[in-house]
Protein backbone atom coordinates (compact mmCIF):
# COMPACT_ATOMS: atom_id res chain seq x y z
CA UNK A 1 14.90 6.34 15.87
CA UNK A 2 14.48 10.07 15.37
CA UNK A 3 12.56 11.01 12.26
CA UNK A 4 14.90 12.49 9.64
CA UNK A 5 14.20 16.14 8.87
CA UNK A 6 15.95 16.29 5.50
CA UNK A 7 13.70 17.21 2.59
CA UNK A 8 13.32 14.70 -0.20
CA UNK A 9 15.23 16.97 -2.58
CA UNK A 10 18.17 17.02 -0.18
CA UNK A 11 17.99 13.26 0.15
CA UNK A 12 18.25 12.84 -3.60
CA UNK A 13 21.52 14.81 -3.96
CA UNK A 14 24.02 12.17 -2.92
CA UNK A 15 24.22 8.51 -2.00
CA UNK A 16 25.12 9.48 1.55
CA UNK A 17 22.00 11.54 2.13
CA UNK A 18 19.92 9.01 0.20
CA UNK A 19 20.81 6.51 2.89
CA UNK A 20 19.09 8.79 5.38
CA UNK A 21 15.80 8.20 3.55
CA UNK A 22 16.19 4.46 3.69
CA UNK A 23 17.12 4.74 7.37
CA UNK A 24 13.60 6.01 8.09
CA UNK A 25 12.37 2.68 6.76
CA UNK A 26 15.08 0.36 7.98
CA UNK A 27 15.47 1.72 11.48
CA UNK A 28 18.92 3.10 10.74
CA UNK A 29 20.43 -0.11 9.39
CA UNK A 30 23.13 0.16 6.72
CA UNK A 31 22.05 -1.51 3.45
CA UNK A 32 23.50 -5.01 3.25
CA UNK A 33 24.00 -6.93 0.02
CA UNK A 34 22.16 -10.00 1.24
CA UNK A 35 20.34 -12.76 -0.61
CA UNK A 36 17.21 -12.21 1.46
CA UNK A 37 15.83 -9.53 3.70
CA UNK A 38 15.21 -11.11 7.07
CA UNK A 39 14.85 -7.69 8.71
CA UNK A 40 11.47 -7.05 7.10
CA UNK A 41 8.79 -9.27 8.67
CA UNK A 42 6.16 -10.69 6.29
CA UNK A 43 3.16 -9.66 8.39
CA UNK A 44 2.40 -7.65 11.53
CA UNK A 45 -0.86 -7.72 13.48
CA UNK A 46 -2.23 -4.98 15.70
CA UNK A 47 -4.22 -5.70 18.86
CA UNK A 48 -7.54 -5.37 17.05
CA UNK A 49 -9.52 -8.55 16.22
CA UNK A 50 -8.64 -10.00 12.82
CA UNK A 51 -11.27 -10.52 10.12
CA UNK A 52 -12.99 -13.90 10.44
CA UNK A 53 -13.84 -16.57 7.89
CA UNK A 54 -16.34 -15.70 5.18
CA UNK A 55 -18.80 -18.25 3.80
CA UNK A 56 -20.80 -17.97 0.61
CA UNK A 57 -20.16 -15.60 -2.27
CA UNK A 58 -17.35 -13.16 -1.60
CA UNK A 59 -17.68 -9.77 -3.31
CA UNK A 60 -14.51 -7.86 -4.10
CA UNK A 61 -14.21 -4.38 -5.56
CA UNK A 62 -10.87 -3.18 -6.97
CA UNK A 63 -10.60 0.59 -7.23
CA UNK A 64 -8.60 1.88 -10.21
CA UNK A 65 -7.89 5.41 -11.45
CA UNK A 66 -5.78 7.21 -14.08
CA UNK A 67 -2.01 6.87 -13.59
CA UNK A 68 -2.27 4.13 -10.98
CA UNK A 69 0.51 1.56 -10.91
CA UNK A 70 -1.32 -1.36 -12.54
CA UNK A 71 0.54 -4.00 -10.52
CA UNK A 72 -0.93 -2.52 -7.33
CA UNK A 73 -4.25 -3.75 -8.73
CA UNK A 74 -3.25 -6.76 -10.83
CA UNK A 75 -1.17 -8.42 -8.10
CA UNK A 76 -4.13 -8.64 -5.68
CA UNK A 77 -6.46 -9.49 -8.58
CA UNK A 78 -4.20 -12.39 -9.62
CA UNK A 79 -4.56 -13.97 -6.19
CA UNK A 80 -8.11 -13.07 -5.22
CA UNK A 81 -9.55 -14.19 -8.58
CA UNK A 82 -8.39 -17.71 -7.67
CA UNK A 83 -10.34 -17.82 -4.41
CA UNK A 84 -13.48 -20.00 -4.68
CA UNK A 85 -16.86 -18.29 -4.92
CA UNK A 86 -15.77 -14.75 -5.63
CA UNK A 87 -17.27 -11.97 -7.67
CA UNK A 88 -14.67 -9.33 -8.58
CA UNK A 89 -15.58 -5.93 -9.98
CA UNK A 90 -13.09 -3.39 -11.32
CA UNK A 91 -14.40 -0.09 -10.05
CA UNK A 92 -13.64 3.41 -11.36
CA UNK A 93 -15.20 6.85 -11.63
CA UNK A 94 -16.77 5.81 -14.93
CA UNK A 95 -16.72 2.90 -17.36
CA UNK A 96 -14.19 4.66 -19.58
CA UNK A 97 -10.86 2.83 -19.99
CA UNK A 98 -8.19 3.83 -17.49
CA UNK A 99 -4.54 4.24 -18.47
CA UNK A 100 -1.95 3.28 -15.88
CA UNK A 101 1.20 5.32 -15.21
CA UNK A 102 3.16 3.40 -17.85
CA UNK A 103 0.38 3.38 -20.45
CA UNK A 104 -1.35 0.03 -19.87
CA UNK A 105 -5.09 0.26 -20.61
CA UNK A 106 -7.46 -1.18 -18.01
CA UNK A 107 -11.23 -1.61 -18.41
CA UNK A 108 -13.53 -0.94 -15.44
CA UNK A 109 -16.57 -3.18 -15.02
CA UNK A 110 -18.48 -0.92 -12.65
CA UNK A 111 -18.77 2.79 -11.91
CA UNK A 112 -18.53 3.91 -8.30
CA UNK A 113 -21.99 5.50 -8.56
CA UNK A 114 -23.56 2.10 -9.34
CA UNK A 115 -21.52 0.06 -6.88
CA UNK A 116 -22.88 -1.39 -3.68
CA UNK A 117 -20.99 -2.60 -0.63
CA UNK A 118 -18.18 -5.10 -1.21
CA UNK A 119 -16.86 -7.59 1.32
CA UNK A 120 -13.35 -6.46 0.32
CA UNK A 121 -12.37 -3.13 -1.19
CA UNK A 122 -8.92 -3.15 -2.81
CA UNK A 123 -7.30 0.30 -3.05
CA UNK A 124 -4.36 0.53 -5.45
CA UNK A 125 -1.62 3.15 -5.41
CA UNK A 126 0.57 4.90 -7.94
CA UNK A 127 1.44 8.46 -8.88
CA UNK A 128 -2.14 9.16 -9.98
CA UNK A 129 -3.15 8.89 -6.35
CA UNK A 130 -2.09 12.51 -5.87
CA UNK A 131 -4.82 13.82 -8.18
CA UNK A 132 -7.72 12.15 -6.35
CA UNK A 133 -6.88 12.82 -2.70
CA UNK A 134 -9.79 15.30 -2.52
CA UNK A 135 -12.23 13.38 -4.73
CA UNK A 136 -15.43 13.16 -2.61
CA UNK A 137 -16.81 10.12 -4.44
CA UNK A 138 -13.64 8.07 -3.94
CA UNK A 139 -13.16 9.21 -0.35
CA UNK A 140 -16.78 8.29 0.45
CA UNK A 141 -16.32 4.86 -1.15
CA UNK A 142 -13.35 4.11 1.09
CA UNK A 143 -14.90 5.56 4.25
CA UNK A 144 -18.22 3.75 3.95
CA UNK A 145 -16.51 0.39 3.58
CA UNK A 146 -14.33 1.05 6.60
CA UNK A 147 -17.27 2.29 8.67
CA UNK A 148 -19.31 -0.79 7.72
CA UNK A 149 -16.56 -3.10 8.98
CA UNK A 150 -15.70 -4.39 5.52
CA UNK A 151 -12.10 -5.20 4.66
CA UNK A 152 -10.23 -2.26 3.15
CA UNK A 153 -7.03 -3.60 1.60
CA UNK A 154 -4.55 -1.07 0.22
CA UNK A 155 -1.43 -1.81 -1.77
CA UNK A 156 1.55 0.54 -1.92
CA UNK A 157 0.54 4.23 -1.85
CA UNK A 158 -3.11 3.25 -1.86
CA UNK A 159 -2.50 3.69 1.88
CA UNK A 160 -2.21 7.45 1.26
CA UNK A 161 -5.68 7.41 -0.31
CA UNK A 162 -6.92 5.67 2.81
CA UNK A 163 -5.19 8.38 4.81
CA UNK A 164 -6.93 11.09 2.80
CA UNK A 165 -10.24 9.38 3.56
CA UNK A 166 -9.41 9.71 7.26
CA UNK A 167 -9.44 5.98 8.03
CA UNK A 168 -5.79 5.67 9.13
CA UNK A 169 -6.17 7.73 12.29
CA UNK A 170 -5.12 5.63 15.26
CA UNK A 171 -4.25 2.67 13.01
CA UNK A 172 -1.10 0.72 12.25
CA UNK A 173 -0.20 0.66 8.55
CA UNK A 174 2.52 0.31 5.95
CA UNK A 175 3.15 1.49 2.40
CA UNK A 176 6.02 1.83 -0.09
CA UNK A 177 9.30 2.53 1.71
CA UNK A 178 9.68 5.91 -0.01
CA UNK A 179 6.37 7.12 1.44
CA UNK A 180 6.18 5.33 4.79
CA UNK A 181 7.37 8.48 6.58
CA UNK A 182 4.17 10.21 5.41
CA UNK A 183 1.81 7.87 7.25
CA UNK A 184 2.00 9.80 10.56
CA UNK A 185 0.63 12.87 8.76
CA UNK A 186 -2.56 10.84 8.30
CA UNK A 187 -2.64 9.78 11.93
CA UNK A 188 -1.22 6.28 11.37
CA UNK A 189 1.56 4.45 13.15
CA UNK A 190 3.98 3.23 10.43
CA UNK A 191 4.99 -0.41 10.74
CA UNK A 192 8.00 -1.84 8.96
CA UNK A 193 6.39 -4.99 7.50
CA UNK A 194 5.36 -6.40 4.12
CA UNK A 195 1.74 -6.56 5.31
CA UNK A 196 0.02 -4.98 8.31
CA UNK A 197 -3.34 -6.19 9.63
CA UNK A 198 -5.16 -3.73 11.89
CA UNK A 199 -8.70 -5.00 12.29
CA UNK A 200 -10.52 -4.62 8.97
CA UNK A 201 -7.71 -2.45 7.58
CA UNK A 202 -5.03 -4.39 5.72
CA UNK A 203 -2.13 -2.50 4.15
CA UNK A 204 0.65 -3.88 1.98
CA UNK A 205 4.05 -2.27 1.41
CA UNK A 206 5.40 -1.38 -2.03
CA UNK A 207 3.90 -2.72 -5.24
CA UNK A 208 4.68 -6.46 -5.23
CA UNK A 209 3.72 -6.73 -1.55
CA UNK A 210 0.18 -6.78 -2.92
CA UNK A 211 0.71 -10.49 -3.61
CA UNK A 212 1.54 -11.10 0.05
CA UNK A 213 -1.39 -8.98 1.19
CA UNK A 214 -3.84 -10.73 -1.11
CA UNK A 215 -2.65 -14.17 0.01
CA UNK A 216 -3.17 -13.08 3.60
CA UNK A 217 -6.68 -11.80 2.81
CA UNK A 218 -7.45 -15.14 1.16
CA UNK A 219 -6.19 -17.05 4.19
CA UNK A 220 -8.21 -14.94 6.64
CA UNK A 221 -11.44 -15.25 4.69
CA UNK A 222 -11.15 -18.75 3.20
CA UNK A 223 -8.39 -20.52 5.12
CA UNK A 224 -4.69 -21.16 4.68
CA UNK A 225 -5.16 -24.10 2.28
CA UNK A 226 -6.98 -21.87 -0.22
CA UNK A 227 -4.23 -19.25 0.04
CA UNK A 228 -1.54 -21.88 -0.43
CA UNK A 229 -3.31 -23.31 -3.50
CA UNK A 230 -3.45 -19.83 -5.01
CA UNK A 231 0.25 -19.35 -4.27
CA UNK A 232 1.09 -22.64 -5.94
CA UNK A 233 -1.13 -21.81 -8.91
CA UNK A 234 0.77 -18.61 -9.64
CA UNK A 235 4.12 -20.17 -8.64
CA UNK A 236 4.82 -17.34 -6.25
CA UNK A 237 8.19 -18.49 -4.89
CA UNK A 238 10.39 -15.38 -4.76
CA UNK A 239 14.04 -16.03 -5.55
CA UNK A 240 15.10 -12.84 -7.30
CA UNK A 241 18.04 -12.50 -9.63
CA UNK A 242 18.93 -9.20 -7.96
CA UNK A 243 18.59 -8.20 -4.32
CA UNK A 244 17.87 -4.48 -4.37
CA UNK A 245 14.15 -4.75 -3.62
CA UNK A 246 14.45 -3.13 -0.21
CA UNK A 247 16.61 -0.25 1.10
CA UNK A 248 18.23 -2.77 3.43
CA UNK A 249 19.69 -4.68 0.47
CA UNK A 250 20.06 -2.03 -2.23
CA UNK A 251 23.41 -0.36 -2.88
CA UNK A 252 23.74 3.32 -1.87
CA UNK A 253 24.10 4.48 -5.49
CA UNK A 254 20.92 2.61 -6.46
CA UNK A 255 18.98 4.29 -3.65
CA UNK A 256 20.40 7.69 -4.60
CA UNK A 257 19.46 7.22 -8.26
CA UNK A 258 15.91 6.23 -7.36
CA UNK A 259 15.44 9.17 -5.00
CA UNK A 260 16.82 11.68 -7.51
CA UNK A 261 14.17 10.60 -10.01
CA UNK A 262 11.47 10.38 -7.37
CA UNK A 263 12.20 13.79 -5.81
CA UNK A 264 9.50 15.86 -7.64
CA UNK A 265 6.76 13.36 -6.78
CA UNK A 266 8.15 12.87 -3.28
CA UNK A 267 8.11 16.61 -2.65
CA UNK A 268 4.51 16.84 -3.92
CA UNK A 269 3.47 14.00 -1.62
CA UNK A 270 5.18 15.67 1.31
CA UNK A 271 3.27 18.91 0.69
CA UNK A 272 -0.01 16.99 0.46
CA UNK A 273 0.77 15.08 3.64
CA UNK A 274 1.34 18.29 5.59
CA UNK A 275 -1.93 19.69 4.21
CA UNK A 276 -3.86 16.60 5.25
CA UNK A 277 -2.31 16.62 8.71
CA UNK A 278 -3.81 20.07 9.21
CA UNK A 279 -7.10 19.03 7.63
CA UNK A 280 -7.39 15.94 9.83
CA UNK A 281 -6.13 17.68 12.95
CA UNK A 282 -3.21 15.27 13.25
CA UNK A 283 -0.20 16.11 15.38
CA UNK A 284 2.73 14.40 13.71
CA UNK A 285 4.97 12.46 16.04
CA UNK A 286 8.61 12.51 14.99
CA UNK A 287 9.35 8.82 15.04
CA UNK A 288 10.20 6.18 12.47
CA UNK A 289 8.29 2.98 11.67
CA UNK A 290 8.14 0.20 14.20
CA UNK A 291 9.20 -3.34 13.40
């Protein structure tokens, strides 16, 4: 479909224009009040070779930063900590406690300066992502893992941090539905899926999709049985009380309310995306995400 040219502020004014934002994500479908969302596939694979099995100790680094959305980190942590023979480090700019966007205090175990190479680098998202898009230490951390062929696994708008590091160019990726239209500004092809695997780059959609992404990482590196045991352990069997978790199932007034509140941050992200497109030399193609 044609990429919608409305600004985020315009989208937030009414339920009708709010639907235009969700149409970018849903391929133009009208939100349906359904018990499940069969239109969003659980995983999409690009043509690049998938990561292979890993034997021996598996090292995982989880990047955190001020005003991240803690669940973008704790969801993957909850799964990956249950994989046999893992060493997980919580990595930040320093060892000072980090406060998430809602005030939860998180304690890093390792500073970026003292970190080595991890087999898997988990990149969280959240509103604090905006403040570190030009941080050379964080950008270098992401780039060197990608260049070394290690798995870079982003959740939610952690994909925008990957974009700022320049590793999305020519790649397929996903992120939170409200920001998926920004991926082309970083040279990526947006894919409408809970998880997208493009070689050693694995991206998960919004927030709770980090559970799906982490289970997939576990299955790729340790096998499906290990992933299924982790899923059983945490009793991850989604059967939500409400069904507004995707634009395809949310009511128009719910989408409009969300976008009205999100507008200032959405506008700021749009400005940053345009800046990075120029910085990265990306020509933005006006097209929506593929399915």
